[in-house]
Structure formats: C-alpha cells, structure tokens
C-alpha cells in the first residue's frame, strides 16, 4: 500500500524507474541471444553533429504537424500533454534531460540493440527493422494515432542504426527528440494557462 501510494504520488519516479529498468532488461535478454549491444555504442568526433542532423527531420515533422493543426496531432497532443504535465511539472530541465537520456539509452538498447539485431540475424535486416519498430509502437500505444507515430519513429531510428551500425546515434537522436518534444508540450501548456485565447489561435 505504501509503495502504491509512493508511485501514485510521484509519476516522475515511475518514469525514471521504468526507463532505467529497460537497460538491465536489454542486457539480460542479450546474453542468451549471444548479443553484445553495448559494443555498438561508438563515439566519434562527428557523432554529435550527425545526431543533431538526424534529429532535425523528426523536429521538422513535429513543427509542421503543430503548425498545420493536423487532427491526429491535436488528438495525440491532447492525450499526451496531461501525462507530460503530471510527470515533469516542477522538475525543471534536469528532470526532462534525465528521463529523455534514459529513454534514449534504454529503449534503443532494447528495441534496436537486442530485438532488431536478433530478428535481423534470423529473418533479415528489413523484417528485423519492421518487427522491432512495431513492437516499439506497441509499447507507446496510448492511442491508434500514437501507435502509428511511434512505429514511424521506430522505423526512422532503426534505419539510422541499420545504416551506421552505431547504437549511440539513434540513442542520442531519441533522447534529443524526447527532450525537445517534452519541452514543447510543457511550454505550450504554460502558454495555454497564461492566455487561452492566444493558444487557440
């Protein structure tokens, strides 16, 4: 009962524990499969530039969707914003960075480093990419639109990994995108509270 109250009272803690738990889960799954996904984390001088460049298409898609007021985007935003508010409100930039970084590392280790790699070894690169991306979408399936959006993002991150054989690249792209998207939703929520008529325009 005490633990349940703690988790209910601190959704930020739930987010941190969940994302952090994916790291040992991925490593435990990797061992019987004969995989060593941690070896695919390769740092290089141009990696930061490549990661920023790789994040731009995702942010551009986010910006265009927000700008044109796509119905599916508004539905996803309405669904996700209260969750983002409950997790991150009052946690500051550090809270957003911590969860985003953990999501980037943990989710990429699991879905790209283990699932995509294992499926690709058994069935080929493209089936491995598709299966890992669909499973990634299912983990984020708060709604049908969010499932499609997350699956598309999984495909994009999987292609980055497939093209570079470097797991650190999609991990950084994933973390950067999450941090910026969360920041956008929090700022949009602030604008809505400060001036509802302005946010509706």
N, C-alpha and C. Protein backbone atom coordinates (compact mmCIF):
# COMPACT_ATOMS: atom_id res chain seq x y z
N UNK A 1 0.84 -1.21 0.00
CA UNK A 1 0.00 0.00 0.00
C UNK A 1 0.87 1.25 0.00
N UNK A 2 1.94 1.23 0.83
CA UNK A 2 2.84 2.38 0.88
C UNK A 2 3.52 2.58 -0.46
N UNK A 3 3.99 1.47 -1.07
CA UNK A 3 4.64 1.57 -2.37
C UNK A 3 3.69 2.10 -3.42
N UNK A 4 2.45 1.63 -3.42
CA UNK A 4 1.46 2.11 -4.38
C UNK A 4 1.21 3.60 -4.23
N UNK A 5 1.14 4.05 -2.99
CA UNK A 5 0.93 5.48 -2.75
C UNK A 5 2.12 6.29 -3.25
N UNK A 6 3.33 5.74 -3.02
CA UNK A 6 4.54 6.44 -3.46
C UNK A 6 4.56 6.59 -4.97
N UNK A 7 4.26 5.50 -5.68
CA UNK A 7 4.29 5.55 -7.14
C UNK A 7 3.19 6.46 -7.67
N UNK A 8 2.01 6.40 -7.04
CA UNK A 8 0.91 7.24 -7.49
C UNK A 8 1.22 8.71 -7.24
N UNK A 9 1.95 8.98 -6.16
CA UNK A 9 2.25 10.36 -5.80
C UNK A 9 3.41 10.93 -6.60
N UNK A 10 4.23 10.08 -7.23
CA UNK A 10 5.42 10.57 -7.91
C UNK A 10 5.57 9.91 -9.28
N UNK A 11 4.81 10.39 -10.27
CA UNK A 11 4.91 9.82 -11.62
C UNK A 11 6.29 10.02 -12.23
N UNK A 12 7.03 11.05 -11.79
CA UNK A 12 8.40 11.23 -12.28
C UNK A 12 9.27 10.04 -11.89
N UNK A 13 9.11 9.57 -10.65
CA UNK A 13 9.86 8.41 -10.19
C UNK A 13 9.51 7.18 -11.01
N UNK A 14 8.23 7.02 -11.33
CA UNK A 14 7.81 5.89 -12.16
C UNK A 14 8.51 5.95 -13.51
N UNK A 15 8.55 7.15 -14.13
CA UNK A 15 9.18 7.30 -15.44
C UNK A 15 10.66 6.97 -15.37
N UNK A 16 11.34 7.47 -14.34
CA UNK A 16 12.77 7.20 -14.19
C UNK A 16 13.03 5.71 -14.00
N UNK A 17 12.27 5.08 -13.11
CA UNK A 17 12.47 3.65 -12.84
C UNK A 17 12.15 2.80 -14.06
N UNK A 18 11.09 3.16 -14.78
CA UNK A 18 10.71 2.38 -15.96
C UNK A 18 11.79 2.44 -17.03
N UNK A 19 12.21 3.67 -17.37
CA UNK A 19 13.20 3.82 -18.43
C UNK A 19 14.54 3.21 -18.01
N UNK A 20 14.91 3.39 -16.76
CA UNK A 20 16.18 2.82 -16.28
C UNK A 20 16.14 1.30 -16.30
N UNK A 21 14.97 0.71 -15.99
CA UNK A 21 14.84 -0.74 -15.94
C UNK A 21 15.02 -1.39 -17.31
N UNK A 22 14.79 -0.63 -18.37
CA UNK A 22 14.96 -1.19 -19.71
C UNK A 22 16.42 -1.53 -20.02
N UNK A 23 17.34 -0.84 -19.35
CA UNK A 23 18.76 -1.09 -19.62
C UNK A 23 19.18 -2.48 -19.14
N UNK A 24 18.97 -2.84 -17.85
CA UNK A 24 19.31 -4.21 -17.46
C UNK A 24 18.45 -5.27 -18.15
N UNK A 25 17.19 -4.92 -18.46
CA UNK A 25 16.33 -5.87 -19.20
C UNK A 25 16.95 -6.21 -20.55
N UNK A 26 17.39 -5.18 -21.27
CA UNK A 26 18.01 -5.41 -22.57
C UNK A 26 19.27 -6.25 -22.44
N UNK A 27 20.08 -5.98 -21.44
CA UNK A 27 21.32 -6.72 -21.25
C UNK A 27 21.05 -8.17 -20.88
N UNK A 28 20.03 -8.40 -20.03
CA UNK A 28 19.68 -9.78 -19.65
C UNK A 28 19.17 -10.55 -20.86
N UNK A 29 18.36 -9.92 -21.70
CA UNK A 29 17.86 -10.58 -22.91
C UNK A 29 18.97 -10.82 -23.92
N UNK A 30 19.95 -9.93 -23.95
CA UNK A 30 21.02 -10.04 -24.94
C UNK A 30 21.90 -11.26 -24.70
N UNK A 31 22.13 -11.61 -23.44
CA UNK A 31 23.10 -12.66 -23.12
C UNK A 31 22.72 -14.02 -23.72
N UNK A 32 21.49 -14.54 -23.51
CA UNK A 32 21.17 -15.84 -24.11
C UNK A 32 21.10 -15.79 -25.64
N UNK A 33 20.92 -14.60 -26.20
CA UNK A 33 20.89 -14.47 -27.66
C UNK A 33 22.29 -14.32 -28.25
N UNK A 34 23.28 -14.26 -27.40
CA UNK A 34 24.65 -14.13 -27.89
C UNK A 34 24.97 -12.75 -28.42
N UNK A 35 24.23 -11.74 -27.94
CA UNK A 35 24.42 -10.37 -28.43
C UNK A 35 25.19 -9.54 -27.42
N UNK A 36 25.89 -8.55 -27.91
CA UNK A 36 26.61 -7.60 -27.06
C UNK A 36 26.31 -6.18 -27.55
N UNK A 37 25.08 -5.71 -27.33
CA UNK A 37 24.67 -4.42 -27.92
C UNK A 37 25.48 -3.24 -27.40
N UNK A 38 26.05 -3.38 -26.20
CA UNK A 38 26.85 -2.27 -25.67
C UNK A 38 28.08 -1.99 -26.54
N UNK A 39 28.53 -2.99 -27.29
CA UNK A 39 29.68 -2.77 -28.17
C UNK A 39 29.32 -1.93 -29.39
N UNK A 40 28.01 -1.74 -29.64
CA UNK A 40 27.58 -0.92 -30.78
C UNK A 40 27.50 0.55 -30.45
N UNK A 41 27.83 0.92 -29.19
CA UNK A 41 27.87 2.33 -28.81
C UNK A 41 29.25 2.88 -29.16
N UNK A 42 29.34 3.52 -30.31
CA UNK A 42 30.63 4.02 -30.77
C UNK A 42 30.68 5.53 -30.84
N UNK A 43 31.54 6.14 -30.02
CA UNK A 43 31.70 7.59 -30.05
C UNK A 43 32.69 7.98 -31.14
N UNK A 44 32.44 9.12 -31.77
CA UNK A 44 33.34 9.62 -32.81
C UNK A 44 33.23 11.14 -32.85
N UNK A 45 34.23 11.83 -33.42
CA UNK A 45 34.20 13.30 -33.43
C UNK A 45 32.96 13.90 -34.09
N UNK A 46 32.46 13.25 -35.13
CA UNK A 46 31.32 13.81 -35.84
C UNK A 46 29.97 13.32 -35.36
N UNK A 47 29.96 12.56 -34.26
CA UNK A 47 28.72 11.93 -33.83
C UNK A 47 27.68 12.94 -33.37
N UNK A 48 28.11 13.95 -32.63
CA UNK A 48 27.16 14.95 -32.13
C UNK A 48 26.50 15.68 -33.30
N UNK A 49 27.31 16.07 -34.28
CA UNK A 49 26.76 16.73 -35.47
C UNK A 49 25.77 15.81 -36.18
N UNK A 50 26.15 14.53 -36.33
CA UNK A 50 25.27 13.57 -37.01
C UNK A 50 23.97 13.39 -36.23
N UNK A 51 24.06 13.39 -34.89
CA UNK A 51 22.87 13.21 -34.07
C UNK A 51 21.94 14.42 -34.18
N UNK A 52 22.52 15.62 -34.16
CA UNK A 52 21.71 16.83 -34.31
C UNK A 52 21.04 16.83 -35.68
N UNK A 53 21.83 16.51 -36.71
CA UNK A 53 21.27 16.46 -38.07
C UNK A 53 20.18 15.38 -38.17
N UNK A 54 20.38 14.27 -37.47
CA UNK A 54 19.39 13.20 -37.51
C UNK A 54 18.12 13.53 -36.74
N UNK A 55 18.21 14.47 -35.82
CA UNK A 55 17.03 14.87 -35.05
C UNK A 55 16.18 15.88 -35.82
N UNK A 56 16.80 16.64 -36.72
CA UNK A 56 16.10 17.70 -37.44
C UNK A 56 14.86 17.21 -38.19
N UNK A 57 14.91 16.10 -38.94
CA UNK A 57 13.69 15.66 -39.63
C UNK A 57 12.54 15.35 -38.68
N UNK A 58 12.84 14.78 -37.52
CA UNK A 58 11.78 14.50 -36.54
C UNK A 58 11.17 15.79 -36.01
N UNK A 59 12.03 16.76 -35.71
CA UNK A 59 11.53 18.04 -35.19
C UNK A 59 10.77 18.80 -36.27
N UNK A 60 11.23 18.69 -37.52
CA UNK A 60 10.53 19.35 -38.62
C UNK A 60 9.13 18.77 -38.78
N UNK A 61 9.02 17.45 -38.68
CA UNK A 61 7.71 16.81 -38.77
C UNK A 61 6.81 17.25 -37.63
N UNK A 62 7.38 17.36 -36.43
CA UNK A 62 6.63 17.83 -35.26
C UNK A 62 6.15 19.26 -35.47
N UNK A 63 7.05 20.12 -35.96
CA UNK A 63 6.71 21.53 -36.16
C UNK A 63 5.64 21.70 -37.23
N UNK A 64 5.77 20.98 -38.32
CA UNK A 64 4.77 21.08 -39.41
C UNK A 64 3.41 20.59 -38.93
N UNK A 65 3.40 19.47 -38.21
CA UNK A 65 2.14 18.94 -37.71
C UNK A 65 1.46 19.91 -36.76
N UNK A 66 2.27 20.53 -35.89
CA UNK A 66 1.71 21.51 -34.95
C UNK A 66 1.21 22.75 -35.69
N UNK A 67 1.97 23.16 -36.69
CA UNK A 67 1.64 24.39 -37.42
C UNK A 67 0.35 24.26 -38.22
N UNK A 68 0.18 23.13 -38.90
CA UNK A 68 -1.00 22.96 -39.75
C UNK A 68 -2.22 22.51 -38.95
N UNK A 69 -1.99 22.16 -37.68
CA UNK A 69 -3.12 21.75 -36.85
C UNK A 69 -3.74 20.44 -37.29
N UNK A 70 -2.87 19.47 -37.67
CA UNK A 70 -3.37 18.17 -38.10
C UNK A 70 -4.21 17.54 -36.99
N UNK A 71 -5.36 16.99 -37.38
CA UNK A 71 -6.29 16.46 -36.39
C UNK A 71 -5.65 15.36 -35.56
N UNK A 72 -4.89 14.46 -36.22
CA UNK A 72 -4.27 13.37 -35.48
C UNK A 72 -3.25 13.90 -34.47
N UNK A 73 -2.55 14.98 -34.87
CA UNK A 73 -1.55 15.56 -33.96
C UNK A 73 -2.23 16.19 -32.75
N UNK A 74 -3.34 16.89 -32.99
CA UNK A 74 -4.07 17.50 -31.89
C UNK A 74 -4.61 16.45 -30.93
N UNK A 75 -5.06 15.30 -31.49
CA UNK A 75 -5.54 14.21 -30.64
C UNK A 75 -4.41 13.65 -29.78
N UNK A 76 -3.25 13.42 -30.41
CA UNK A 76 -2.10 12.89 -29.68
C UNK A 76 -1.65 13.88 -28.61
N UNK A 77 -1.59 15.16 -28.98
CA UNK A 77 -1.15 16.19 -28.04
C UNK A 77 -2.10 16.27 -26.84
N UNK A 78 -3.40 16.21 -27.11
CA UNK A 78 -4.38 16.27 -26.02
C UNK A 78 -4.26 15.06 -25.10
N UNK A 79 -3.86 13.93 -25.66
CA UNK A 79 -3.70 12.71 -24.87
C UNK A 79 -2.42 12.74 -24.04
N UNK A 80 -1.34 13.21 -24.66
CA UNK A 80 -0.01 13.12 -24.05
C UNK A 80 0.27 14.27 -23.09
N UNK A 81 -0.26 15.46 -23.38
CA UNK A 81 0.10 16.63 -22.58
C UNK A 81 -0.21 16.46 -21.09
N UNK A 82 -1.40 15.96 -20.69
CA UNK A 82 -1.64 15.78 -19.24
C UNK A 82 -0.63 14.82 -18.60
N UNK A 83 -0.23 13.79 -19.34
CA UNK A 83 0.76 12.85 -18.83
C UNK A 83 2.11 13.54 -18.64
N UNK A 84 2.51 14.32 -19.64
CA UNK A 84 3.77 15.06 -19.57
C UNK A 84 3.73 16.04 -18.40
N UNK A 85 2.61 16.73 -18.26
CA UNK A 85 2.46 17.69 -17.16
C UNK A 85 2.61 16.99 -15.80
N UNK A 86 1.97 15.84 -15.65
CA UNK A 86 2.00 15.16 -14.36
C UNK A 86 3.39 14.64 -14.03
N UNK A 87 4.15 14.25 -15.05
CA UNK A 87 5.49 13.70 -14.82
C UNK A 87 6.52 14.79 -14.59
N UNK A 88 6.47 15.86 -15.41
CA UNK A 88 7.60 16.80 -15.46
C UNK A 88 7.34 18.17 -14.85
N UNK A 89 6.10 18.51 -14.55
CA UNK A 89 5.84 19.83 -14.00
C UNK A 89 6.59 20.02 -12.68
N UNK A 90 7.40 21.07 -12.62
CA UNK A 90 8.17 21.37 -11.42
C UNK A 90 9.49 20.63 -11.33
N UNK A 91 9.81 19.79 -12.31
CA UNK A 91 11.06 19.03 -12.27
C UNK A 91 12.21 19.76 -12.96
N UNK A 92 11.89 20.80 -13.71
CA UNK A 92 12.92 21.58 -14.36
C UNK A 92 13.56 20.87 -15.54
N UNK A 93 14.56 21.52 -16.11
CA UNK A 93 15.26 20.98 -17.28
C UNK A 93 15.95 19.67 -16.93
N UNK A 94 16.52 19.59 -15.73
CA UNK A 94 17.25 18.38 -15.33
C UNK A 94 16.34 17.15 -15.37
N UNK A 95 15.11 17.28 -14.91
CA UNK A 95 14.19 16.16 -14.92
C UNK A 95 13.89 15.68 -16.33
N UNK A 96 13.68 16.63 -17.24
CA UNK A 96 13.41 16.28 -18.64
C UNK A 96 14.62 15.59 -19.25
N UNK A 97 15.81 16.12 -18.98
CA UNK A 97 17.04 15.55 -19.55
C UNK A 97 17.28 14.14 -19.01
N UNK A 98 17.07 13.92 -17.73
CA UNK A 98 17.30 12.60 -17.13
C UNK A 98 16.41 11.54 -17.78
N UNK A 99 15.11 11.81 -17.84
CA UNK A 99 14.19 10.81 -18.40
C UNK A 99 14.44 10.62 -19.89
N UNK A 100 14.70 11.71 -20.62
CA UNK A 100 14.95 11.61 -22.06
C UNK A 100 16.21 10.82 -22.34
N UNK A 101 17.26 11.05 -21.56
CA UNK A 101 18.51 10.31 -21.75
C UNK A 101 18.32 8.83 -21.45
N UNK A 102 17.62 8.53 -20.36
CA UNK A 102 17.35 7.13 -20.02
C UNK A 102 16.52 6.46 -21.09
N UNK A 103 15.52 7.17 -21.64
CA UNK A 103 14.69 6.61 -22.71
C UNK A 103 15.54 6.35 -23.95
N UNK A 104 16.41 7.29 -24.28
CA UNK A 104 17.27 7.10 -25.44
C UNK A 104 18.15 5.88 -25.32
N UNK A 105 18.79 5.73 -24.17
CA UNK A 105 19.69 4.59 -23.98
C UNK A 105 18.92 3.29 -23.80
N UNK A 106 17.96 3.28 -22.88
CA UNK A 106 17.25 2.05 -22.57
C UNK A 106 16.41 1.52 -23.72
N UNK A 107 15.63 2.38 -24.34
CA UNK A 107 14.76 1.93 -25.42
C UNK A 107 15.54 1.53 -26.66
N UNK A 108 16.63 2.23 -26.95
CA UNK A 108 17.44 1.86 -28.11
C UNK A 108 18.22 0.57 -27.87
N UNK A 109 18.71 0.38 -26.66
CA UNK A 109 19.35 -0.89 -26.32
C UNK A 109 18.39 -2.05 -26.54
N UNK A 110 17.16 -1.91 -26.05
CA UNK A 110 16.19 -2.99 -26.12
C UNK A 110 15.67 -3.21 -27.54
N UNK A 111 15.15 -2.15 -28.15
CA UNK A 111 14.45 -2.32 -29.43
C UNK A 111 15.39 -2.42 -30.63
N UNK A 112 16.44 -1.62 -30.66
CA UNK A 112 17.36 -1.69 -31.78
C UNK A 112 18.52 -2.65 -31.48
N UNK A 113 19.12 -2.51 -30.29
CA UNK A 113 20.30 -3.30 -29.99
C UNK A 113 20.03 -4.78 -29.81
N UNK A 114 18.85 -5.12 -29.25
CA UNK A 114 18.53 -6.52 -29.00
C UNK A 114 17.49 -7.05 -29.98
N UNK A 115 16.29 -6.45 -29.98
CA UNK A 115 15.20 -7.01 -30.80
C UNK A 115 15.50 -6.90 -32.29
N UNK A 116 15.84 -5.70 -32.76
CA UNK A 116 16.10 -5.55 -34.19
C UNK A 116 17.29 -6.39 -34.63
N UNK A 117 18.35 -6.40 -33.81
CA UNK A 117 19.54 -7.17 -34.17
C UNK A 117 19.26 -8.66 -34.20
N UNK A 118 18.53 -9.16 -33.19
CA UNK A 118 18.22 -10.60 -33.14
C UNK A 118 17.30 -11.01 -34.28
N UNK A 119 16.27 -10.20 -34.55
CA UNK A 119 15.35 -10.53 -35.64
C UNK A 119 16.04 -10.45 -36.99
N UNK A 120 16.92 -9.47 -37.15
CA UNK A 120 17.64 -9.32 -38.41
C UNK A 120 18.55 -10.52 -38.65
N UNK A 121 19.17 -11.04 -37.59
CA UNK A 121 20.05 -12.20 -37.73
C UNK A 121 19.27 -13.44 -38.17
N UNK A 122 18.01 -13.53 -37.75
CA UNK A 122 17.20 -14.71 -38.07
C UNK A 122 16.41 -14.58 -39.36
N UNK A 123 15.90 -13.36 -39.65
CA UNK A 123 14.96 -13.19 -40.76
C UNK A 123 15.40 -12.17 -41.80
N UNK A 124 16.48 -11.47 -41.55
CA UNK A 124 16.92 -10.45 -42.50
C UNK A 124 16.77 -9.05 -41.92
N UNK A 125 17.50 -8.11 -42.50
CA UNK A 125 17.57 -6.75 -41.95
C UNK A 125 16.22 -6.05 -41.93
N UNK A 126 15.49 -6.10 -43.06
CA UNK A 126 14.24 -5.34 -43.13
C UNK A 126 13.13 -5.94 -42.26
N UNK A 127 12.95 -7.28 -42.25
CA UNK A 127 11.98 -7.82 -41.29
C UNK A 127 12.34 -7.49 -39.84
N UNK A 128 13.63 -7.52 -39.52
CA UNK A 128 14.05 -7.16 -38.18
C UNK A 128 13.70 -5.73 -37.84
N UNK A 129 13.90 -4.84 -38.81
CA UNK A 129 13.56 -3.43 -38.63
C UNK A 129 12.07 -3.25 -38.39
N UNK A 130 11.25 -3.92 -39.19
CA UNK A 130 9.80 -3.75 -39.10
C UNK A 130 9.27 -4.32 -37.77
N UNK A 131 9.72 -5.51 -37.41
CA UNK A 131 9.22 -6.13 -36.17
C UNK A 131 9.60 -5.27 -34.96
N UNK A 132 10.85 -4.83 -34.89
CA UNK A 132 11.28 -4.00 -33.76
C UNK A 132 10.50 -2.70 -33.71
N UNK A 133 10.22 -2.12 -34.86
CA UNK A 133 9.50 -0.84 -34.91
C UNK A 133 8.05 -0.99 -34.48
N UNK A 134 7.41 -2.08 -34.90
CA UNK A 134 6.03 -2.33 -34.49
C UNK A 134 5.95 -2.58 -32.99
N UNK A 135 6.89 -3.34 -32.46
CA UNK A 135 6.91 -3.57 -31.01
C UNK A 135 7.17 -2.26 -30.26
N UNK A 136 8.03 -1.42 -30.80
CA UNK A 136 8.28 -0.10 -30.22
C UNK A 136 6.99 0.72 -30.22
N UNK A 137 6.25 0.67 -31.34
CA UNK A 137 4.97 1.37 -31.42
C UNK A 137 3.97 0.83 -30.42
N UNK A 138 3.96 -0.48 -30.23
CA UNK A 138 3.02 -1.08 -29.29
C UNK A 138 3.31 -0.66 -27.85
N UNK A 139 4.61 -0.48 -27.53
CA UNK A 139 4.94 -0.05 -26.17
C UNK A 139 4.44 1.36 -25.90
N UNK A 140 4.28 2.15 -26.96
CA UNK A 140 3.84 3.54 -26.82
C UNK A 140 2.37 3.73 -27.24
N UNK A 141 1.63 2.65 -27.37
CA UNK A 141 0.29 2.70 -27.97
C UNK A 141 -0.75 3.24 -27.01
N UNK A 142 -0.66 4.53 -26.71
CA UNK A 142 -1.69 5.17 -25.91
C UNK A 142 -2.97 5.38 -26.72
N UNK A 143 -2.83 5.42 -28.03
CA UNK A 143 -3.96 5.53 -28.95
C UNK A 143 -3.50 4.98 -30.29
N UNK A 144 -4.44 4.83 -31.23
CA UNK A 144 -4.07 4.34 -32.55
C UNK A 144 -3.11 5.30 -33.25
N UNK A 145 -3.40 6.59 -33.16
CA UNK A 145 -2.53 7.58 -33.80
C UNK A 145 -1.14 7.58 -33.18
N UNK A 146 -1.08 7.43 -31.85
CA UNK A 146 0.22 7.43 -31.18
C UNK A 146 1.00 6.17 -31.52
N UNK A 147 0.29 5.05 -31.70
CA UNK A 147 0.94 3.82 -32.14
C UNK A 147 1.59 4.01 -33.50
N UNK A 148 0.85 4.61 -34.43
CA UNK A 148 1.39 4.84 -35.78
C UNK A 148 2.58 5.78 -35.72
N UNK A 149 2.44 6.84 -34.94
CA UNK A 149 3.53 7.82 -34.80
C UNK A 149 4.78 7.17 -34.21
N UNK A 150 4.61 6.39 -33.15
CA UNK A 150 5.76 5.75 -32.51
C UNK A 150 6.38 4.69 -33.42
N UNK A 151 5.55 3.96 -34.16
CA UNK A 151 6.09 2.97 -35.09
C UNK A 151 6.91 3.65 -36.18
N UNK A 152 6.42 4.77 -36.71
CA UNK A 152 7.16 5.51 -37.72
C UNK A 152 8.49 6.01 -37.16
N UNK A 153 8.47 6.49 -35.92
CA UNK A 153 9.71 6.93 -35.29
C UNK A 153 10.65 5.74 -35.09
N UNK A 154 10.11 4.60 -34.71
CA UNK A 154 10.92 3.40 -34.56
C UNK A 154 11.58 2.99 -35.86
N UNK A 155 10.84 3.10 -36.96
CA UNK A 155 11.41 2.80 -38.27
C UNK A 155 12.56 3.75 -38.59
N UNK A 156 12.37 5.02 -38.29
CA UNK A 156 13.40 6.02 -38.56
C UNK A 156 14.66 5.73 -37.73
N UNK A 157 14.48 5.49 -36.44
CA UNK A 157 15.63 5.20 -35.57
C UNK A 157 16.29 3.89 -35.97
N UNK A 158 15.48 2.92 -36.38
CA UNK A 158 16.03 1.65 -36.81
C UNK A 158 16.85 1.77 -38.08
N UNK A 159 16.41 2.63 -39.00
CA UNK A 159 17.18 2.87 -40.22
C UNK A 159 18.51 3.53 -39.89
N UNK A 160 18.49 4.48 -38.95
CA UNK A 160 19.75 5.12 -38.53
C UNK A 160 20.72 4.07 -38.01
N UNK A 161 20.22 3.17 -37.19
CA UNK A 161 21.08 2.12 -36.65
C UNK A 161 21.55 1.17 -37.75
N UNK A 162 20.63 0.80 -38.61
CA UNK A 162 20.96 -0.12 -39.69
C UNK A 162 22.00 0.46 -40.64
N UNK A 163 21.90 1.78 -40.88
CA UNK A 163 22.80 2.43 -41.83
C UNK A 163 24.19 2.67 -41.25
N UNK A 164 24.27 2.84 -39.92
CA UNK A 164 25.55 3.22 -39.31
C UNK A 164 26.17 2.13 -38.45
N UNK A 165 25.35 1.15 -38.03
CA UNK A 165 25.80 0.10 -37.11
C UNK A 165 26.32 0.71 -35.82
N UNK A 166 25.79 1.87 -35.47
CA UNK A 166 26.21 2.57 -34.26
C UNK A 166 24.96 2.88 -33.44
N UNK A 167 24.80 2.20 -32.32
CA UNK A 167 23.61 2.35 -31.49
C UNK A 167 23.56 3.69 -30.76
N UNK A 168 24.73 4.31 -30.60
CA UNK A 168 24.77 5.59 -29.90
C UNK A 168 24.07 6.69 -30.70
N UNK A 169 24.10 6.58 -32.03
CA UNK A 169 23.46 7.61 -32.86
C UNK A 169 21.94 7.65 -32.63
N UNK A 170 21.20 6.55 -32.82
CA UNK A 170 19.76 6.62 -32.55
C UNK A 170 19.45 6.90 -31.08
N UNK A 171 20.33 6.49 -30.17
CA UNK A 171 20.09 6.77 -28.75
C UNK A 171 20.12 8.27 -28.49
N UNK A 172 21.09 8.97 -29.09
CA UNK A 172 21.18 10.42 -28.90
C UNK A 172 20.02 11.12 -29.61
N UNK A 173 19.71 10.69 -30.83
CA UNK A 173 18.59 11.28 -31.57
C UNK A 173 17.29 11.11 -30.78
N UNK A 174 17.08 9.91 -30.28
CA UNK A 174 15.88 9.61 -29.49
C UNK A 174 15.81 10.52 -28.26
N UNK A 175 16.91 10.62 -27.53
CA UNK A 175 16.92 11.45 -26.33
C UNK A 175 16.72 12.92 -26.63
N UNK A 176 17.37 13.42 -27.68
CA UNK A 176 17.22 14.83 -28.07
C UNK A 176 15.78 15.14 -28.46
N UNK A 177 15.22 14.26 -29.29
CA UNK A 177 13.84 14.49 -29.73
C UNK A 177 12.88 14.48 -28.54
N UNK A 178 13.03 13.49 -27.65
CA UNK A 178 12.14 13.42 -26.50
C UNK A 178 12.24 14.69 -25.65
N UNK A 179 13.47 15.14 -25.40
CA UNK A 179 13.67 16.32 -24.56
C UNK A 179 13.02 17.55 -25.17
N UNK A 180 13.20 17.72 -26.49
CA UNK A 180 12.65 18.91 -27.15
C UNK A 180 11.13 18.81 -27.24
N UNK A 181 10.60 17.62 -27.55
CA UNK A 181 9.15 17.45 -27.64
C UNK A 181 8.49 17.66 -26.28
N UNK A 182 9.10 17.14 -25.23
CA UNK A 182 8.56 17.34 -23.88
C UNK A 182 8.60 18.82 -23.52
N UNK A 183 9.72 19.48 -23.82
CA UNK A 183 9.83 20.92 -23.56
C UNK A 183 8.76 21.70 -24.30
N UNK A 184 8.51 21.33 -25.56
CA UNK A 184 7.47 22.00 -26.34
C UNK A 184 6.11 21.85 -25.69
N UNK A 185 5.77 20.64 -25.25
CA UNK A 185 4.47 20.41 -24.64
C UNK A 185 4.33 21.16 -23.32
N UNK A 186 5.40 21.22 -22.54
CA UNK A 186 5.35 21.97 -21.29
C UNK A 186 5.18 23.47 -21.55
N UNK A 187 5.92 24.00 -22.53
CA UNK A 187 5.80 25.42 -22.85
C UNK A 187 4.43 25.74 -23.43
N UNK A 188 3.90 24.83 -24.27
CA UNK A 188 2.57 25.03 -24.84
C UNK A 188 1.52 25.04 -23.73
N UNK A 189 1.72 24.18 -22.72
CA UNK A 189 0.81 24.17 -21.59
C UNK A 189 0.87 25.47 -20.80
N UNK A 190 2.09 26.03 -20.64
CA UNK A 190 2.24 27.31 -19.96
C UNK A 190 1.53 28.43 -20.72
N UNK A 191 1.68 28.43 -22.04
CA UNK A 191 1.02 29.46 -22.85
C UNK A 191 -0.49 29.33 -22.74
N UNK A 192 -0.97 28.09 -22.69
CA UNK A 192 -2.42 27.88 -22.56
C UNK A 192 -2.97 28.42 -21.26
N UNK A 193 -2.19 28.29 -20.18
CA UNK A 193 -2.64 28.81 -18.89
C UNK A 193 -2.56 30.34 -18.84
N UNK A 194 -1.51 30.89 -19.50
CA UNK A 194 -1.32 32.34 -19.46
C UNK A 194 -2.31 33.08 -20.35
N UNK A 195 -2.66 32.46 -21.47
CA UNK A 195 -3.57 33.14 -22.40
C UNK A 195 -4.31 32.17 -23.27
N UNK A 196 -5.42 31.64 -22.81
CA UNK A 196 -6.15 30.62 -23.56
C UNK A 196 -6.60 31.09 -24.93
N UNK A 197 -6.97 32.35 -25.06
CA UNK A 197 -7.43 32.82 -26.36
C UNK A 197 -6.29 32.86 -27.36
N UNK A 198 -5.05 33.16 -26.87
CA UNK A 198 -3.90 33.21 -27.75
C UNK A 198 -3.51 31.82 -28.21
N UNK A 199 -3.57 30.83 -27.28
CA UNK A 199 -3.17 29.47 -27.65
C UNK A 199 -4.15 28.85 -28.62
N UNK A 200 -5.38 29.31 -28.64
CA UNK A 200 -6.37 28.73 -29.55
C UNK A 200 -6.23 29.25 -30.95
N UNK A 201 -5.49 30.33 -31.13
CA UNK A 201 -5.38 30.92 -32.48
C UNK A 201 -4.31 30.21 -33.28
